[in-house]
Amino acid sequence: MYRFLLTPRWWGINLFVLLSIPFCIFMGSWQLGRFEDRVQDHRTATEQVAEAKREAPRPLAEMLPVTKATSGKLVTATGSYGKQLLVPGRELDGKQGFYVLTLLRTDSGEALPVVRGWLPGAADAAEAPAPPTGEVTVTGALQASETPGDNGVSAQGGLPAGQTGAISAASLVNLVPYDVYDAWVTLAEGDSGMKAVPAAAPPDTGLDLKAFQNLGYTAEWFAFVGFVIFMWFRLLRREVEFARDAELGLVPDEEPVAVDAAVK
């Protein structure tokens, strides 16, 4: 009854099953490993941000360029405030508001974007406190340039004058008349009564959409293993039932039906 398993057709089916199951298990395990790595990176980044608050601030020049190791670290920079911009659509403590971003012009000739604080409501330049005048020294957490469309950063264009959707050198280069550092700083303490903006985890270390995509792919690969096994047993069962029916002479003879159809 099971002699059909030795036919070329079933050799192909069995070979496909034997190869696809370990492949799917490998791919599912790899995707699960990617998700676990992202979880660990998230924990490490969170701990790094917490530890950075207890460390002494370092000069900005010593901490550039921004990496996973330097992101969130406290830095100091000296200069004078210049152009001020608003960053709308930013959430803090479950409320919508906006960042007050001011460019700190340093002796190097480049300007450092400094988030002086957060205010609730719609972005309104009249609500944003004016920056201090003269030379100032700021202390805050170093952050990597944002990428529009990632981690909740708005990719909206056509914003009113004096506003920017993302804090990055690429976004600011056309809004200010001087070079901008490829980094930004969020003040450790909010300026002029504004709320301080907490430092964010380094890029590609948070539990973002990509992380949960890895988890979803894991489930898909393991589900495919079950599907392959189910289909193999279903085909086997159907073949066995067909063989039994053939032995009992219950297989319908389609020849006369075809002839009758041709005659009609």
Protein backbone atom coordinates (compact mmCIF):
# COMPACT_ATOMS: atom_id res chain seq x y z
CA MET A 1 0.00 0.00 0.00
CA TYR A 2 2.91 2.36 0.70
CA ARG A 3 4.83 1.43 -2.42
CA PHE A 4 3.84 4.81 -3.88
CA LEU A 5 6.43 6.41 -1.56
CA LEU A 6 9.13 5.02 -3.87
CA THR A 7 7.78 6.77 -6.95
CA PRO A 8 9.74 9.75 -8.39
CA ARG A 9 6.88 12.08 -7.47
CA TRP A 10 7.05 11.14 -3.79
CA TRP A 11 10.84 11.17 -3.80
CA GLY A 12 10.55 14.82 -4.82
CA ILE A 13 7.91 15.56 -2.17
CA ASN A 14 9.93 13.88 0.59
CA LEU A 15 13.13 15.63 -0.44
CA PHE A 16 11.36 18.99 -0.40
CA VAL A 17 9.99 18.32 3.11
CA LEU A 18 13.34 17.10 4.47
CA LEU A 19 15.12 20.19 3.16
CA SER A 20 12.47 22.82 3.92
CA ILE A 21 11.92 21.90 7.59
CA PRO A 22 15.52 22.47 8.79
CA PHE A 23 15.78 25.54 6.55
CA CYS A 24 12.66 27.09 8.09
CA ILE A 25 13.84 26.23 11.60
CA PHE A 26 17.21 27.85 10.86
CA MET A 27 15.61 31.02 9.45
CA GLY A 28 13.13 31.23 12.35
CA SER A 29 15.94 30.83 14.89
CA TRP A 30 18.00 33.47 13.09
CA GLN A 31 15.13 35.97 13.13
CA LEU A 32 14.52 35.20 16.82
CA GLY A 33 18.20 35.81 17.49
CA ARG A 34 17.96 39.17 15.73
CA PHE A 35 15.02 40.13 17.94
CA GLU A 36 16.86 39.03 21.11
CA ASP A 37 19.91 41.06 20.01
CA ARG A 38 17.72 44.14 19.62
CA VAL A 39 16.20 43.56 23.07
CA GLN A 40 19.69 43.33 24.55
CA ASP A 41 20.83 46.43 22.66
CA HIS A 42 17.78 48.26 24.02
CA ARG A 43 18.64 47.25 27.59
CA THR A 44 22.27 48.23 27.13
CA ALA A 45 21.33 51.59 25.61
CA THR A 46 18.86 52.30 28.43
CA GLU A 47 21.50 51.49 31.03
CA GLN A 48 24.01 53.64 29.14
CA VAL A 49 21.70 56.65 29.22
CA ALA A 50 21.15 56.17 32.97
CA GLU A 51 24.89 55.81 33.64
CA ALA A 52 25.69 58.87 31.53
CA LYS A 53 23.76 61.06 33.95
CA ARG A 54 26.21 60.10 36.71
CA GLU A 55 29.33 60.72 34.63
CA ALA A 56 31.19 64.01 34.39
CA PRO A 57 30.47 65.88 31.14
CA ARG A 58 33.18 65.84 28.48
CA PRO A 59 34.05 68.48 25.87
CA LEU A 60 31.98 68.12 22.71
CA ALA A 61 35.01 67.69 20.42
CA GLU A 62 36.16 64.60 22.36
CA MET A 63 32.84 62.80 21.84
CA LEU A 64 32.41 63.22 18.10
CA PRO A 65 31.39 61.59 15.85
CA VAL A 66 28.30 60.23 17.56
CA THR A 67 28.35 56.45 17.95
CA LYS A 68 26.40 53.93 20.01
CA ALA A 69 29.12 54.31 22.66
CA THR A 70 28.93 58.12 22.85
CA SER A 71 25.22 58.67 22.26
CA GLY A 72 23.54 59.86 25.45
CA LYS A 73 26.81 60.93 27.07
CA LEU A 74 26.94 64.34 28.75
CA VAL A 75 28.97 66.93 26.85
CA THR A 76 29.73 70.61 27.23
CA ALA A 77 30.03 73.25 24.55
CA THR A 78 30.66 76.98 24.64
CA GLY A 79 29.44 79.61 22.23
CA SER A 80 26.67 82.10 21.63
CA TYR A 81 23.09 81.32 20.65
CA GLY A 82 21.98 82.19 17.14
CA LYS A 83 18.94 81.22 15.08
CA GLN A 84 16.03 79.58 16.91
CA LEU A 85 13.69 77.01 15.36
CA LEU A 86 10.70 74.99 16.53
CA VAL A 87 10.31 71.23 16.09
CA PRO A 88 6.55 70.48 16.07
CA GLY A 89 4.75 67.22 16.77
CA ARG A 90 6.93 65.98 19.63
CA GLU A 91 5.39 64.00 22.48
CA LEU A 92 6.52 64.14 26.11
CA ASP A 93 4.80 62.52 29.10
CA GLY A 94 1.88 61.52 26.86
CA LYS A 95 1.21 65.08 25.67
CA GLN A 96 1.78 66.66 22.28
CA GLY A 97 4.02 69.67 22.04
CA PHE A 98 7.14 70.99 20.38
CA TYR A 99 10.87 71.34 20.95
CA VAL A 100 12.59 74.70 21.15
CA LEU A 101 15.78 74.26 19.13
CA THR A 102 18.47 76.93 19.19
CA LEU A 103 21.74 76.89 17.26
CA LEU A 104 24.81 77.42 19.43
CA ARG A 105 27.57 79.04 17.37
CA THR A 106 30.93 77.76 18.60
CA ASP A 107 34.50 78.95 18.05
CA SER A 108 35.02 76.17 15.50
CA GLY A 109 32.72 77.99 13.10
CA GLU A 110 30.08 75.28 13.23
CA ALA A 111 26.78 75.56 15.04
CA LEU A 112 25.53 72.95 17.50
CA PRO A 113 21.76 72.32 17.54
CA VAL A 114 20.64 72.56 21.18
CA VAL A 115 17.18 71.49 22.33
CA ARG A 116 16.63 73.90 25.18
CA GLY A 117 13.32 72.32 26.20
CA TRP A 118 9.80 71.21 25.37
CA LEU A 119 6.51 73.12 25.48
CA PRO A 120 2.95 71.73 25.19
CA GLY A 121 0.52 72.57 22.43
CA ALA A 122 0.95 73.65 18.83
CA ALA A 123 4.28 75.12 17.77
CA ASP A 124 4.14 78.86 18.35
CA ALA A 125 7.20 81.08 18.16
CA ALA A 126 5.55 83.57 20.52
CA GLU A 127 5.48 80.90 23.26
CA ALA A 128 9.16 79.97 22.93
CA PRO A 129 11.44 81.79 25.39
CA ALA A 130 14.26 83.79 23.83
CA PRO A 131 17.73 82.27 24.33
CA PRO A 132 20.27 83.86 26.69
CA THR A 133 22.53 86.46 25.13
CA GLY A 134 26.30 86.55 25.17
CA GLU A 135 28.64 83.61 25.60
CA VAL A 136 27.15 80.57 27.30
CA THR A 137 28.34 77.08 28.21
CA VAL A 138 25.74 74.36 27.80
CA THR A 139 25.66 70.85 29.25
CA GLY A 140 23.49 68.17 27.77
CA ALA A 141 23.18 64.68 26.35
CA LEU A 142 24.78 64.09 22.97
CA GLN A 143 22.40 62.74 20.31
CA ALA A 144 22.80 61.46 16.76
CA SER A 145 21.15 63.29 13.88
CA GLU A 146 17.58 62.20 13.34
CA THR A 147 16.29 60.49 10.21
CA PRO A 148 12.86 61.65 8.97
CA GLY A 149 10.33 58.84 9.16
CA ASP A 150 12.20 56.83 11.81
CA ASN A 151 11.30 56.44 15.49
CA GLY A 152 8.41 58.87 15.34
CA VAL A 153 10.40 61.63 13.61
CA SER A 154 8.11 63.49 11.24
CA ALA A 155 8.87 63.31 7.53
CA GLN A 156 6.36 66.08 6.82
CA GLY A 157 7.51 68.74 4.41
CA GLY A 158 6.29 72.24 3.76
CA LEU A 159 6.45 73.36 7.38
CA PRO A 160 6.03 77.05 8.19
CA ALA A 161 9.12 79.24 8.30
CA GLY A 162 11.05 78.81 11.53
CA GLN A 163 10.17 75.12 11.90
CA THR A 164 11.90 71.84 11.08
CA GLY A 165 10.59 68.28 11.20
CA ALA A 166 13.89 66.59 12.07
CA ILE A 167 16.99 67.60 13.99
CA SER A 168 19.84 66.81 11.62
CA ALA A 169 22.56 68.59 9.70
CA ALA A 170 20.85 67.61 6.43
CA SER A 171 17.56 69.20 7.54
CA LEU A 172 19.12 72.34 8.99
CA VAL A 173 21.70 73.13 6.31
CA ASN A 174 19.11 75.00 4.24
CA LEU A 175 17.59 76.80 7.23
CA VAL A 176 20.65 78.45 8.75
CA PRO A 177 23.47 80.41 7.10
CA TYR A 178 26.33 78.45 8.73
CA ASP A 179 27.68 74.93 8.98
CA VAL A 180 26.01 72.59 11.47
CA TYR A 181 27.45 69.72 13.51
CA ASP A 182 26.20 66.27 12.55
CA ALA A 183 24.88 65.87 16.09
CA TRP A 184 22.69 67.70 18.59
CA VAL A 185 22.38 68.14 22.34
CA THR A 186 19.39 68.10 24.66
CA LEU A 187 19.98 70.17 27.79
CA ALA A 188 20.22 68.29 31.06
CA GLU A 189 17.92 70.92 32.59
CA GLY A 190 15.20 72.73 30.67
CA ASP A 191 15.92 76.38 29.96
CA SER A 192 13.61 79.24 30.99
CA GLY A 193 11.06 76.99 32.69
CA MET A 194 10.70 74.55 29.80
CA LYS A 195 10.72 70.78 30.36
CA ALA A 196 14.01 69.04 29.61
CA VAL A 197 13.82 66.54 26.76
CA PRO A 198 15.14 63.12 27.86
CA ALA A 199 17.98 61.62 25.86
CA ALA A 200 16.89 58.98 23.38
CA ALA A 201 18.54 55.60 22.89
CA PRO A 202 21.09 55.34 20.05
CA PRO A 203 19.77 54.52 16.57
CA ASP A 204 18.93 50.84 15.87
CA THR A 205 18.91 49.92 19.57
CA GLY A 206 15.27 50.47 20.48
CA LEU A 207 12.30 48.13 20.34
CA ASP A 208 11.04 49.75 17.16
CA LEU A 209 9.07 48.43 14.19
CA LYS A 210 12.12 46.60 12.82
CA ALA A 211 12.50 44.65 16.06
CA PHE A 212 8.91 43.46 16.01
CA GLN A 213 9.22 42.65 12.32
CA ASN A 214 11.96 40.20 13.29
CA LEU A 215 9.61 38.65 15.84
CA GLY A 216 6.83 38.42 13.24
CA TYR A 217 9.15 36.75 10.74
CA THR A 218 10.12 34.24 13.45
CA ALA A 219 6.48 33.23 13.87
CA GLU A 220 6.02 32.98 10.10
CA TRP A 221 8.99 30.64 9.61
CA PHE A 222 7.93 28.31 12.43
CA ALA A 223 4.32 28.37 11.19
CA PHE A 224 5.59 27.32 7.76
CA VAL A 225 7.25 24.28 9.37
CA GLY A 226 3.87 23.20 10.73
CA PHE A 227 2.23 23.89 7.37
CA VAL A 228 4.77 21.72 5.50
CA ILE A 229 4.30 18.82 7.93
CA PHE A 230 0.50 19.15 7.78
CA MET A 231 0.47 19.16 3.99
CA TRP A 232 2.79 16.12 3.85
CA PHE A 233 0.48 14.09 6.11
CA ARG A 234 -2.55 15.27 4.15
CA LEU A 235 -1.03 14.16 0.85
CA LEU A 236 0.06 10.87 2.38
CA ARG A 237 -3.40 10.20 3.78
CA ARG A 238 -5.08 10.99 0.46
CA GLU A 239 -2.65 8.71 -1.39
CA VAL A 240 -3.26 5.84 1.07
CA GLU A 241 -7.02 6.23 0.77
CA PHE A 242 -6.74 6.23 -3.01
CA ALA A 243 -4.62 3.03 -2.89
CA ARG A 244 -7.13 1.30 -0.62
CA ASP A 245 -10.01 2.28 -2.86
CA ALA A 246 -8.09 0.92 -5.85
CA GLU A 247 -7.54 -2.41 -4.11
CA LEU A 248 -11.25 -2.67 -3.33
CA GLY A 249 -12.19 -1.68 -6.84
CA LEU A 250 -13.84 1.51 -5.68
CA VAL A 251 -11.86 3.82 -7.94
CA PRO A 252 -14.35 5.25 -10.45
CA ASP A 253 -13.72 4.38 -14.06
CA GLU A 254 -13.61 7.70 -15.88
CA GLU A 255 -13.14 6.20 -19.34
CA PRO A 256 -16.85 5.67 -20.15
CA VAL A 257 -17.70 9.09 -18.83
CA ALA A 258 -15.17 10.65 -21.16
CA VAL A 259 -16.50 8.63 -24.10
CA ASP A 260 -20.10 9.56 -23.33
CA ALA A 261 -19.11 13.20 -23.11
CA ALA A 262 -17.37 12.96 -26.45
CA VAL A 263 -20.42 11.37 -28.06
CA LYS A 264 -22.70 14.04 -26.74
